[in-house]
Amino acid sequence: MPDATGGVVTGAGAEFAIAGRIPVPDYLRFLEPLIVAPQQIDSDDPHTVSILVVIAERPDLVSPVSQVVLSVLAVDDPTKVTLTTSEGLATLRALIEGQLGSFGRNLVIVIFALTALLVAAILYGFVMLRRKDFGRRRALGASQGLIIGLLLTQMAFLSGIGAVIGCAATAISLVIIGDPLPGIAFFVAVSVLAIAVGVIAALLPASVAARRDPLAELRVP
């Protein structure tokens, strides 16, 4: 029924109207084609359960949950009960998720390392361009700590703006293409890490700017 309209009549003569489609989760695919029909349950009339689906939260819980299910059923004839588990598939899924997680972490480390090198190179060029200005500040009494703090504050501010713009652009892109959004904690962690990487990468150029001889720098044309 491609239009999800019509009706179904059982062998016993019961009629049911088609109300719509129900998305079938992966763990119920073996039941397809599947029709869900409402029934009036009489508490005094016991019903026979033909299929019982139990979902474990983690792959390592499949085996113990299977044992608990068998003990809870307490059937008179255990030979009539068939237990089918997807422990192998669950383990494979956990393995793949672990590999993807490891690849993602390594990729993030590489990206931040390259970003740190780029920030250090850009800030070093910025220091060289403004070395006369820093020399003038040193000659007027600015301490090395003040110069370092000034550059690190500027870098932290710029890194924060970049992190906010990057997170906003990522969230908008994910919404447009329909992919799930990560939690707020992920965006906050990435932003904090980006700011920390920017500040750490700026330490060396800031130290170079603070340790230059102010008299030599003032002679720069």
Protein backbone atom coordinates (compact mmCIF):
# COMPACT_ATOMS: atom_id res chain seq x y z
CA MET A 1 0.00 0.00 0.00
CA PRO A 2 2.18 2.87 -1.22
CA ASP A 3 -0.33 5.50 -0.07
CA ALA A 4 -0.75 3.95 3.41
CA THR A 5 -4.52 3.78 2.96
CA GLY A 6 -6.92 0.86 2.90
CA GLY A 7 -7.74 -1.98 5.23
CA VAL A 8 -6.71 -5.47 6.34
CA VAL A 9 -8.96 -8.43 7.10
CA THR A 10 -7.57 -11.29 9.17
CA GLY A 11 -8.40 -14.94 8.67
CA ALA A 12 -10.73 -14.73 11.66
CA GLY A 13 -12.72 -11.95 10.00
CA ALA A 14 -11.37 -9.02 12.03
CA GLU A 15 -11.06 -5.82 10.03
CA PHE A 16 -8.41 -3.15 10.60
CA ALA A 17 -8.02 0.20 8.84
CA ILE A 18 -4.58 1.32 7.72
CA ALA A 19 -3.71 4.43 9.74
CA GLY A 20 -0.20 5.10 8.45
CA ARG A 21 3.34 3.81 8.30
CA ILE A 22 5.48 2.89 11.29
CA PRO A 23 9.28 3.09 10.92
CA VAL A 24 10.71 -0.28 11.89
CA PRO A 25 13.95 -0.13 13.93
CA ASP A 26 16.92 -2.25 12.91
CA TYR A 27 16.40 -4.84 15.63
CA LEU A 28 12.90 -5.58 14.29
CA ARG A 29 13.82 -5.88 10.61
CA PHE A 30 13.49 -9.66 10.76
CA LEU A 31 9.72 -9.23 11.32
CA GLU A 32 9.13 -7.43 8.03
CA PRO A 33 6.67 -7.27 6.38
CA LEU A 34 5.15 -6.07 9.63
CA ILE A 35 1.64 -4.91 10.46
CA VAL A 36 0.90 -3.54 13.93
CA ALA A 37 -2.76 -4.12 14.87
CA PRO A 38 -4.27 -2.88 18.17
CA GLN A 39 -5.99 -5.50 20.32
CA GLN A 40 -8.14 -5.35 23.40
CA ILE A 41 -6.26 -7.18 26.15
CA ASP A 42 -8.26 -9.07 28.74
CA SER A 43 -6.34 -9.42 31.98
CA ASP A 44 -8.23 -12.64 32.81
CA ASP A 45 -7.38 -14.24 29.48
CA PRO A 46 -3.69 -15.15 29.24
CA HIS A 47 -2.04 -14.67 25.88
CA THR A 48 0.85 -16.52 24.33
CA VAL A 49 4.02 -14.55 23.61
CA SER A 50 5.69 -15.73 20.43
CA ILE A 51 8.52 -13.18 20.19
CA LEU A 52 10.18 -11.16 22.97
CA VAL A 53 12.70 -8.48 22.02
CA VAL A 54 15.16 -7.32 24.72
CA ILE A 55 17.63 -4.48 24.01
CA ALA A 56 20.97 -4.23 25.85
CA GLU A 57 22.54 -0.83 26.39
CA ARG A 58 26.10 -1.98 25.58
CA PRO A 59 27.60 -4.85 23.56
CA ASP A 60 29.27 -6.37 26.63
CA LEU A 61 25.85 -6.70 28.30
CA VAL A 62 24.37 -8.94 25.59
CA SER A 63 25.61 -12.19 27.16
CA PRO A 64 24.55 -11.47 30.78
CA VAL A 65 21.21 -10.04 29.63
CA SER A 66 20.57 -13.23 27.65
CA GLN A 67 21.15 -15.34 30.74
CA VAL A 68 18.86 -13.13 32.82
CA VAL A 69 16.11 -13.33 30.20
CA LEU A 70 16.24 -17.13 30.20
CA SER A 71 16.03 -17.21 33.97
CA VAL A 72 13.14 -14.71 34.09
CA LEU A 73 11.04 -16.56 31.50
CA ALA A 74 10.80 -19.67 33.68
CA VAL A 75 9.22 -21.75 30.91
CA ASP A 76 8.06 -25.31 31.55
CA ASP A 77 9.79 -26.68 28.45
CA PRO A 78 13.14 -24.92 27.73
CA THR A 79 13.45 -26.76 24.41
CA LYS A 80 10.59 -24.65 23.02
CA VAL A 81 12.50 -21.42 23.61
CA THR A 82 14.94 -20.22 20.95
CA LEU A 83 17.33 -17.46 21.94
CA THR A 84 18.91 -15.39 19.17
CA THR A 85 21.41 -12.67 20.00
CA SER A 86 23.34 -10.16 17.95
CA GLU A 87 26.38 -10.15 20.21
CA GLY A 88 28.72 -10.50 17.25
CA LEU A 89 27.13 -7.56 15.45
CA ALA A 90 27.09 -5.50 18.63
CA THR A 91 30.79 -6.21 19.22
CA LEU A 92 31.59 -5.29 15.63
CA ARG A 93 29.64 -2.08 15.99
CA ALA A 94 31.52 -1.19 19.18
CA LEU A 95 34.83 -1.94 17.44
CA ILE A 96 33.96 0.29 14.48
CA GLU A 97 32.79 3.08 16.78
CA GLY A 98 36.07 2.83 18.70
CA GLN A 99 38.12 3.01 15.51
CA LEU A 100 36.12 5.99 14.24
CA GLY A 101 36.52 7.69 17.60
CA SER A 102 40.28 7.11 17.55
CA PHE A 103 40.52 8.41 13.98
CA GLY A 104 38.48 11.48 14.93
CA ARG A 105 40.73 12.23 17.93
CA ASN A 106 43.88 11.85 15.85
CA LEU A 107 42.42 14.09 13.15
CA VAL A 108 41.56 16.77 15.72
CA ILE A 109 45.10 16.59 17.15
CA VAL A 110 46.65 16.99 13.70
CA ILE A 111 44.35 19.91 12.84
CA PHE A 112 45.13 21.75 16.08
CA ALA A 113 48.87 21.07 15.68
CA LEU A 114 48.86 22.57 12.19
CA THR A 115 46.76 25.47 13.49
CA ALA A 116 49.30 26.09 16.26
CA LEU A 117 52.17 26.20 13.74
CA LEU A 118 50.22 28.58 11.52
CA VAL A 119 49.34 30.86 14.44
CA ALA A 120 52.96 30.92 15.62
CA ALA A 121 54.22 31.80 12.13
CA ILE A 122 51.63 34.55 11.61
CA LEU A 123 52.21 36.07 15.05
CA TYR A 124 55.98 35.97 14.56
CA GLY A 125 55.57 37.90 11.30
CA PHE A 126 53.28 40.34 13.12
CA VAL A 127 55.94 40.83 15.81
CA MET A 128 58.59 41.50 13.22
CA LEU A 129 56.40 44.10 11.54
CA ARG A 130 55.70 45.87 14.84
CA ARG A 131 59.11 45.45 16.45
CA LYS A 132 59.66 49.23 16.48
CA ASP A 133 56.37 49.70 18.33
CA PHE A 134 57.32 47.07 20.89
CA GLY A 135 60.77 48.65 21.25
CA ARG A 136 59.12 52.02 21.94
CA ARG A 137 56.91 50.43 24.59
CA ARG A 138 59.94 48.82 26.23
CA ALA A 139 61.82 52.13 26.17
CA LEU A 140 58.87 53.83 27.87
CA GLY A 141 59.01 51.35 30.74
CA ALA A 142 56.82 48.44 29.65
CA SER A 143 58.01 45.20 31.21
CA GLN A 144 58.53 41.95 29.38
CA GLY A 145 55.54 40.46 31.16
CA LEU A 146 53.34 43.31 29.95
CA ILE A 147 54.36 42.76 26.33
CA ILE A 148 53.76 39.01 26.62
CA GLY A 149 50.42 39.54 28.35
CA LEU A 150 49.33 42.04 25.69
CA LEU A 151 50.04 39.65 22.83
CA LEU A 152 48.50 36.64 24.59
CA THR A 153 45.35 38.63 25.40
CA GLN A 154 45.00 39.69 21.78
CA MET A 155 45.49 36.12 20.61
CA ALA A 156 42.95 34.76 23.13
CA PHE A 157 40.40 37.34 22.00
CA LEU A 158 40.92 36.54 18.31
CA SER A 159 40.85 32.79 19.00
CA GLY A 160 37.58 33.17 20.88
CA ILE A 161 35.99 35.06 17.99
CA GLY A 162 37.23 32.41 15.54
CA ALA A 163 35.89 29.59 17.74
CA VAL A 164 32.45 31.21 17.99
CA ILE A 165 32.26 31.80 14.23
CA GLY A 166 33.46 28.25 13.50
CA CYS A 167 30.98 26.63 15.88
CA ALA A 168 28.11 28.72 14.52
CA ALA A 169 29.01 27.89 10.91
CA THR A 170 29.30 24.19 11.77
CA ALA A 171 25.92 24.13 13.52
CA ILE A 172 24.22 25.90 10.61
CA SER A 173 25.81 23.53 8.09
CA LEU A 174 24.69 20.46 10.06
CA VAL A 175 21.15 21.80 10.30
CA ILE A 176 21.02 22.51 6.56
CA ILE A 177 22.22 19.04 5.53
CA GLY A 178 20.09 17.33 8.18
CA ASP A 179 22.86 15.73 10.25
CA PRO A 180 22.52 15.47 14.06
CA LEU A 181 24.02 18.25 16.13
CA PRO A 182 26.60 17.48 18.84
CA GLY A 183 25.87 18.61 22.36
CA ILE A 184 26.68 22.01 23.84
CA ALA A 185 29.52 20.40 25.79
CA PHE A 186 31.24 19.48 22.50
CA PHE A 187 31.10 23.04 21.18
CA VAL A 188 32.34 24.43 24.51
CA ALA A 189 35.20 21.92 24.64
CA VAL A 190 36.28 22.68 21.08
CA SER A 191 36.13 26.43 21.74
CA VAL A 192 38.19 26.15 24.93
CA LEU A 193 40.71 23.91 23.16
CA ALA A 194 40.99 26.34 20.23
CA ILE A 195 41.62 29.27 22.56
CA ALA A 196 44.19 27.27 24.54
CA VAL A 197 46.01 26.21 21.36
CA GLY A 198 46.10 29.80 20.13
CA VAL A 199 47.48 31.12 23.42
CA ILE A 200 50.10 28.37 23.70
CA ALA A 201 51.20 28.90 20.09
CA ALA A 202 51.58 32.63 20.79
CA LEU A 203 53.95 32.12 23.74
CA LEU A 204 57.13 31.83 21.68
CA PRO A 205 56.53 34.87 19.41
CA ALA A 206 55.41 36.90 22.43
CA SER A 207 58.60 35.96 24.28
CA VAL A 208 60.67 36.97 21.26
CA ALA A 209 58.92 40.34 21.12
CA ALA A 210 59.42 40.95 24.84
CA ARG A 211 63.14 40.08 24.90
CA ARG A 212 64.31 42.26 22.03
CA ASP A 213 66.62 45.14 22.87
CA PRO A 214 64.55 48.36 22.89
CA LEU A 215 67.53 50.52 21.79
CA ALA A 216 68.21 48.25 18.82
CA GLU A 217 64.56 48.22 17.84
CA LEU A 218 64.25 52.00 17.98
CA ARG A 219 67.03 52.25 15.40
CA VAL A 220 64.88 50.33 12.92
CA PRO A 221 63.82 52.78 10.18
